[in-house]
């Protein structure tokens, strides 16, 4: 068997990807050292004014996305297709999620 990544959610280990392990197999679980919420180190979660200012400066340094009008139209079309798909499948997906946490 190979190692995988997973997240601890509501008292359960949730794999990041599907696994194909035999029922009842034993596992070794070890929390990733130095990482906490969302894979961020404690330093990256600093909420001091200096750290926040640094984060804002780094964020502001990201250049804006440049799109042609054709690219923008295509992007909007894809967003609408995705929205319609999600709306059409919401109840089914919500039921699947509910069964996962039962």
N, C-alpha and C. Protein backbone atom coordinates (compact mmCIF):
# COMPACT_ATOMS: atom_id res chain seq x y z
N UNK A 1 0.85 -1.19 0.00
CA UNK A 1 0.00 0.00 0.00
C UNK A 1 0.88 1.23 0.00
N UNK A 2 0.38 2.30 -0.57
CA UNK A 2 1.14 3.54 -0.62
C UNK A 2 0.54 4.56 0.35
N UNK A 3 1.37 5.52 0.74
CA UNK A 3 0.92 6.57 1.64
C UNK A 3 0.01 7.54 0.89
N UNK A 4 -0.92 8.13 1.60
CA UNK A 4 -1.83 9.13 1.02
C UNK A 4 -1.86 10.34 1.93
N UNK A 5 -2.49 11.40 1.48
CA UNK A 5 -2.75 12.57 2.31
C UNK A 5 -4.23 12.55 2.68
N UNK A 6 -4.52 13.03 3.87
CA UNK A 6 -5.90 13.07 4.36
C UNK A 6 -6.05 14.27 5.29
N UNK A 7 -7.29 14.57 5.64
CA UNK A 7 -7.59 15.68 6.54
C UNK A 7 -8.49 15.18 7.65
N UNK A 8 -8.25 15.66 8.85
CA UNK A 8 -9.06 15.33 10.02
C UNK A 8 -10.26 16.27 10.02
N UNK A 9 -11.48 15.73 9.83
CA UNK A 9 -12.69 16.55 9.77
C UNK A 9 -13.76 15.91 10.64
N UNK A 10 -14.27 16.66 11.59
CA UNK A 10 -15.35 16.19 12.47
C UNK A 10 -15.05 14.81 13.06
N UNK A 11 -13.82 14.61 13.51
CA UNK A 11 -13.46 13.38 14.17
C UNK A 11 -13.25 12.19 13.25
N UNK A 12 -13.14 12.44 11.94
CA UNK A 12 -12.92 11.36 10.98
C UNK A 12 -11.74 11.71 10.08
N UNK A 13 -11.04 10.68 9.62
CA UNK A 13 -9.96 10.87 8.65
C UNK A 13 -10.57 10.80 7.26
N UNK A 14 -10.44 11.89 6.49
CA UNK A 14 -11.02 11.96 5.16
C UNK A 14 -9.89 12.00 4.13
N UNK A 15 -9.70 10.92 3.36
CA UNK A 15 -8.63 10.90 2.36
C UNK A 15 -8.83 11.97 1.29
N UNK A 16 -7.72 12.52 0.78
CA UNK A 16 -7.78 13.51 -0.28
C UNK A 16 -8.13 12.89 -1.63
N UNK A 17 -8.01 11.58 -1.73
CA UNK A 17 -8.28 10.87 -2.97
C UNK A 17 -8.88 9.52 -2.63
N UNK A 18 -9.54 8.87 -3.59
CA UNK A 18 -10.09 7.54 -3.31
C UNK A 18 -8.97 6.54 -2.98
N UNK A 19 -9.28 5.60 -2.09
CA UNK A 19 -8.32 4.55 -1.74
C UNK A 19 -8.94 3.19 -2.06
N UNK A 20 -8.10 2.24 -2.38
CA UNK A 20 -8.56 0.89 -2.71
C UNK A 20 -7.86 -0.09 -1.78
N UNK A 21 -8.21 -0.02 -0.50
CA UNK A 21 -7.58 -0.87 0.50
C UNK A 21 -8.57 -1.95 0.93
N UNK A 22 -8.06 -3.10 1.32
CA UNK A 22 -8.96 -4.16 1.78
C UNK A 22 -9.64 -3.76 3.10
N UNK A 23 -10.88 -4.16 3.24
CA UNK A 23 -11.64 -3.86 4.46
C UNK A 23 -10.91 -4.42 5.67
N UNK A 24 -10.81 -3.63 6.72
CA UNK A 24 -10.21 -4.08 7.96
C UNK A 24 -8.69 -3.94 8.01
N UNK A 25 -8.08 -3.38 6.97
CA UNK A 25 -6.62 -3.25 7.00
C UNK A 25 -6.21 -2.24 8.07
N UNK A 26 -5.07 -2.44 8.66
CA UNK A 26 -4.56 -1.56 9.71
C UNK A 26 -3.84 -0.39 9.07
N UNK A 27 -3.91 0.78 9.69
CA UNK A 27 -3.29 1.99 9.17
C UNK A 27 -2.38 2.61 10.22
N UNK A 28 -1.38 3.33 9.76
CA UNK A 28 -0.55 4.15 10.62
C UNK A 28 -0.83 5.60 10.25
N UNK A 29 -1.24 6.40 11.21
CA UNK A 29 -1.60 7.79 10.96
C UNK A 29 -0.63 8.68 11.73
N UNK A 30 -0.04 9.64 11.03
CA UNK A 30 0.92 10.55 11.63
C UNK A 30 0.63 11.95 11.12
N UNK A 31 0.35 12.88 12.02
CA UNK A 31 0.07 14.25 11.61
C UNK A 31 1.33 14.87 11.00
N UNK A 32 1.14 15.65 9.94
CA UNK A 32 2.28 16.30 9.27
C UNK A 32 2.93 17.28 10.25
N UNK A 33 4.22 17.13 10.51
CA UNK A 33 4.90 18.01 11.47
C UNK A 33 4.99 19.44 10.98
N UNK A 34 4.76 20.38 11.89
CA UNK A 34 4.92 21.79 11.57
C UNK A 34 3.78 22.38 10.76
N UNK A 35 2.78 21.58 10.43
CA UNK A 35 1.66 22.10 9.66
C UNK A 35 0.40 22.06 10.50
N UNK A 36 -0.45 23.02 10.28
CA UNK A 36 -1.73 23.01 10.95
C UNK A 36 -2.80 23.31 9.92
N UNK A 37 -3.66 24.23 10.17
CA UNK A 37 -4.80 24.50 9.30
C UNK A 37 -4.38 24.69 7.85
N UNK A 38 -4.99 23.95 6.96
CA UNK A 38 -4.82 24.09 5.51
C UNK A 38 -3.38 23.97 5.06
N UNK A 39 -2.56 23.20 5.78
CA UNK A 39 -1.19 23.01 5.35
C UNK A 39 -0.30 24.21 5.54
N UNK A 40 -0.72 25.13 6.39
CA UNK A 40 0.08 26.33 6.64
C UNK A 40 0.89 26.16 7.92
N UNK A 41 2.10 26.67 7.92
CA UNK A 41 2.92 26.63 9.13
C UNK A 41 2.41 27.67 10.12
N UNK A 42 2.86 27.56 11.36
CA UNK A 42 2.44 28.54 12.37
C UNK A 42 2.87 29.95 11.98
N UNK A 43 4.05 30.08 11.35
CA UNK A 43 4.51 31.39 10.91
C UNK A 43 3.58 32.00 9.87
N UNK A 44 3.06 31.17 8.99
CA UNK A 44 2.17 31.65 7.94
C UNK A 44 0.79 32.05 8.49
N UNK A 45 0.47 31.62 9.71
CA UNK A 45 -0.81 31.94 10.31
C UNK A 45 -0.71 33.12 11.28
N UNK A 46 0.43 33.75 11.33
CA UNK A 46 0.65 34.88 12.22
C UNK A 46 -0.38 35.97 11.93
N UNK A 47 -1.03 36.49 12.95
CA UNK A 47 -2.04 37.53 12.75
C UNK A 47 -1.59 38.87 13.32
N UNK A 48 -0.27 39.05 13.46
CA UNK A 48 0.23 40.34 13.93
C UNK A 48 0.03 41.39 12.83
N UNK A 49 -0.01 42.67 13.19
CA UNK A 49 -0.16 43.71 12.17
C UNK A 49 0.92 43.65 11.09
N UNK A 50 2.15 43.31 11.50
CA UNK A 50 3.25 43.23 10.53
C UNK A 50 3.02 42.09 9.54
N UNK A 51 2.58 40.92 10.04
CA UNK A 51 2.34 39.77 9.17
C UNK A 51 1.18 40.06 8.23
N UNK A 52 0.15 40.72 8.74
CA UNK A 52 -1.00 41.06 7.89
C UNK A 52 -0.57 42.04 6.81
N UNK A 53 0.22 43.04 7.18
CA UNK A 53 0.71 44.01 6.19
C UNK A 53 1.55 43.32 5.13
N UNK A 54 2.38 42.36 5.55
CA UNK A 54 3.21 41.61 4.60
C UNK A 54 2.32 40.82 3.64
N UNK A 55 1.30 40.16 4.17
CA UNK A 55 0.40 39.37 3.34
C UNK A 55 -0.32 40.27 2.33
N UNK A 56 -0.78 41.42 2.78
CA UNK A 56 -1.49 42.35 1.88
C UNK A 56 -0.55 42.83 0.79
N UNK A 57 0.70 43.16 1.15
CA UNK A 57 1.67 43.62 0.15
C UNK A 57 1.94 42.52 -0.88
N UNK A 58 2.10 41.28 -0.42
CA UNK A 58 2.34 40.17 -1.35
C UNK A 58 1.12 39.95 -2.26
N UNK A 59 -0.06 40.07 -1.69
CA UNK A 59 -1.28 39.89 -2.47
C UNK A 59 -1.41 41.01 -3.51
N UNK A 60 -1.16 42.24 -3.10
CA UNK A 60 -1.26 43.37 -4.01
C UNK A 60 -0.23 43.31 -5.13
N UNK A 61 0.88 42.58 -4.92
CA UNK A 61 1.92 42.47 -5.94
C UNK A 61 1.55 41.50 -7.06
N UNK A 62 0.48 40.72 -6.87
CA UNK A 62 0.04 39.79 -7.90
C UNK A 62 -0.57 40.60 -9.04
N UNK A 63 -0.06 40.44 -10.26
CA UNK A 63 -0.60 41.23 -11.36
C UNK A 63 -2.01 40.79 -11.72
N UNK A 64 -2.85 41.72 -12.19
CA UNK A 64 -4.22 41.35 -12.56
C UNK A 64 -4.23 40.46 -13.79
N UNK A 65 -5.27 39.67 -13.90
CA UNK A 65 -5.45 38.81 -15.07
C UNK A 65 -5.89 39.67 -16.24
N UNK A 66 -5.23 39.50 -17.37
CA UNK A 66 -5.59 40.23 -18.58
C UNK A 66 -6.26 39.25 -19.54
N UNK A 67 -7.48 39.60 -20.00
CA UNK A 67 -8.21 38.75 -20.93
C UNK A 67 -8.71 39.58 -22.10
N UNK A 68 -8.72 38.95 -23.25
CA UNK A 68 -9.38 39.58 -24.39
C UNK A 68 -10.88 39.47 -24.18
N UNK A 69 -11.64 40.18 -24.96
CA UNK A 69 -13.10 40.10 -24.83
C UNK A 69 -13.59 38.70 -25.17
N UNK A 70 -12.92 38.02 -26.11
CA UNK A 70 -13.30 36.65 -26.45
C UNK A 70 -13.03 35.70 -25.28
N UNK A 71 -11.87 35.87 -24.65
CA UNK A 71 -11.53 35.03 -23.50
C UNK A 71 -12.51 35.28 -22.36
N UNK A 72 -12.87 36.54 -22.15
CA UNK A 72 -13.81 36.88 -21.08
C UNK A 72 -15.18 36.25 -21.36
N UNK A 73 -15.64 36.32 -22.60
CA UNK A 73 -16.93 35.73 -22.97
C UNK A 73 -16.91 34.22 -22.77
N UNK A 74 -15.82 33.57 -23.18
CA UNK A 74 -15.70 32.13 -23.00
C UNK A 74 -15.69 31.76 -21.53
N UNK A 75 -14.97 32.54 -20.73
CA UNK A 75 -14.91 32.30 -19.28
C UNK A 75 -16.31 32.40 -18.67
N UNK A 76 -17.06 33.44 -19.05
CA UNK A 76 -18.41 33.61 -18.52
C UNK A 76 -19.31 32.46 -18.95
N UNK A 77 -19.14 31.99 -20.19
CA UNK A 77 -19.93 30.87 -20.67
C UNK A 77 -19.64 29.61 -19.85
N UNK A 78 -18.37 29.36 -19.60
CA UNK A 78 -17.99 28.18 -18.80
C UNK A 78 -18.54 28.30 -17.38
N UNK A 79 -18.47 29.49 -16.80
CA UNK A 79 -19.02 29.70 -15.45
C UNK A 79 -20.51 29.41 -15.42
N UNK A 80 -21.24 29.87 -16.45
CA UNK A 80 -22.68 29.62 -16.51
C UNK A 80 -22.99 28.14 -16.67
N UNK A 81 -22.20 27.45 -17.51
CA UNK A 81 -22.39 26.01 -17.67
C UNK A 81 -22.17 25.29 -16.34
N UNK A 82 -21.12 25.66 -15.62
CA UNK A 82 -20.83 25.03 -14.33
C UNK A 82 -21.94 25.32 -13.32
N UNK A 83 -22.41 26.56 -13.30
CA UNK A 83 -23.49 26.93 -12.38
C UNK A 83 -24.74 26.10 -12.66
N UNK A 84 -25.11 25.99 -13.93
CA UNK A 84 -26.30 25.22 -14.29
C UNK A 84 -26.13 23.74 -13.92
N UNK A 85 -24.94 23.19 -14.14
CA UNK A 85 -24.67 21.81 -13.77
C UNK A 85 -24.82 21.62 -12.26
N UNK A 86 -24.23 22.54 -11.49
CA UNK A 86 -24.31 22.42 -10.04
C UNK A 86 -25.73 22.55 -9.53
N UNK A 87 -26.50 23.47 -10.10
CA UNK A 87 -27.90 23.62 -9.70
C UNK A 87 -28.70 22.36 -10.04
N UNK A 88 -28.44 21.78 -11.21
CA UNK A 88 -29.19 20.58 -11.63
C UNK A 88 -28.84 19.37 -10.78
N UNK A 89 -27.65 19.33 -10.22
CA UNK A 89 -27.19 18.16 -9.47
C UNK A 89 -27.08 18.39 -7.97
N UNK A 90 -27.56 19.53 -7.49
CA UNK A 90 -27.37 19.88 -6.08
C UNK A 90 -27.97 18.84 -5.13
N UNK A 91 -29.22 18.47 -5.34
CA UNK A 91 -29.88 17.56 -4.40
C UNK A 91 -29.16 16.21 -4.32
N UNK A 92 -28.76 15.68 -5.47
CA UNK A 92 -28.05 14.40 -5.49
C UNK A 92 -26.72 14.50 -4.76
N UNK A 93 -25.96 15.56 -5.02
CA UNK A 93 -24.67 15.73 -4.36
C UNK A 93 -24.82 16.00 -2.86
N UNK A 94 -25.83 16.74 -2.48
CA UNK A 94 -26.08 16.99 -1.07
C UNK A 94 -26.41 15.68 -0.34
N UNK A 95 -27.18 14.83 -0.99
CA UNK A 95 -27.52 13.53 -0.39
C UNK A 95 -26.27 12.66 -0.22
N UNK A 96 -25.37 12.69 -1.21
CA UNK A 96 -24.12 11.93 -1.11
C UNK A 96 -23.28 12.44 0.06
N UNK A 97 -23.19 13.75 0.19
CA UNK A 97 -22.42 14.31 1.31
C UNK A 97 -23.04 13.93 2.65
N UNK A 98 -24.35 13.98 2.72
CA UNK A 98 -25.04 13.61 3.95
C UNK A 98 -24.74 12.18 4.33
N UNK A 99 -24.76 11.27 3.34
CA UNK A 99 -24.47 9.86 3.64
C UNK A 99 -23.03 9.68 4.09
N UNK A 100 -22.10 10.51 3.61
CA UNK A 100 -20.70 10.40 4.02
C UNK A 100 -20.53 10.67 5.51
N UNK A 101 -21.34 11.53 6.06
CA UNK A 101 -21.17 11.95 7.46
C UNK A 101 -22.10 11.24 8.42
N UNK A 102 -22.83 10.26 7.94
CA UNK A 102 -23.74 9.50 8.81
C UNK A 102 -22.99 8.41 9.54
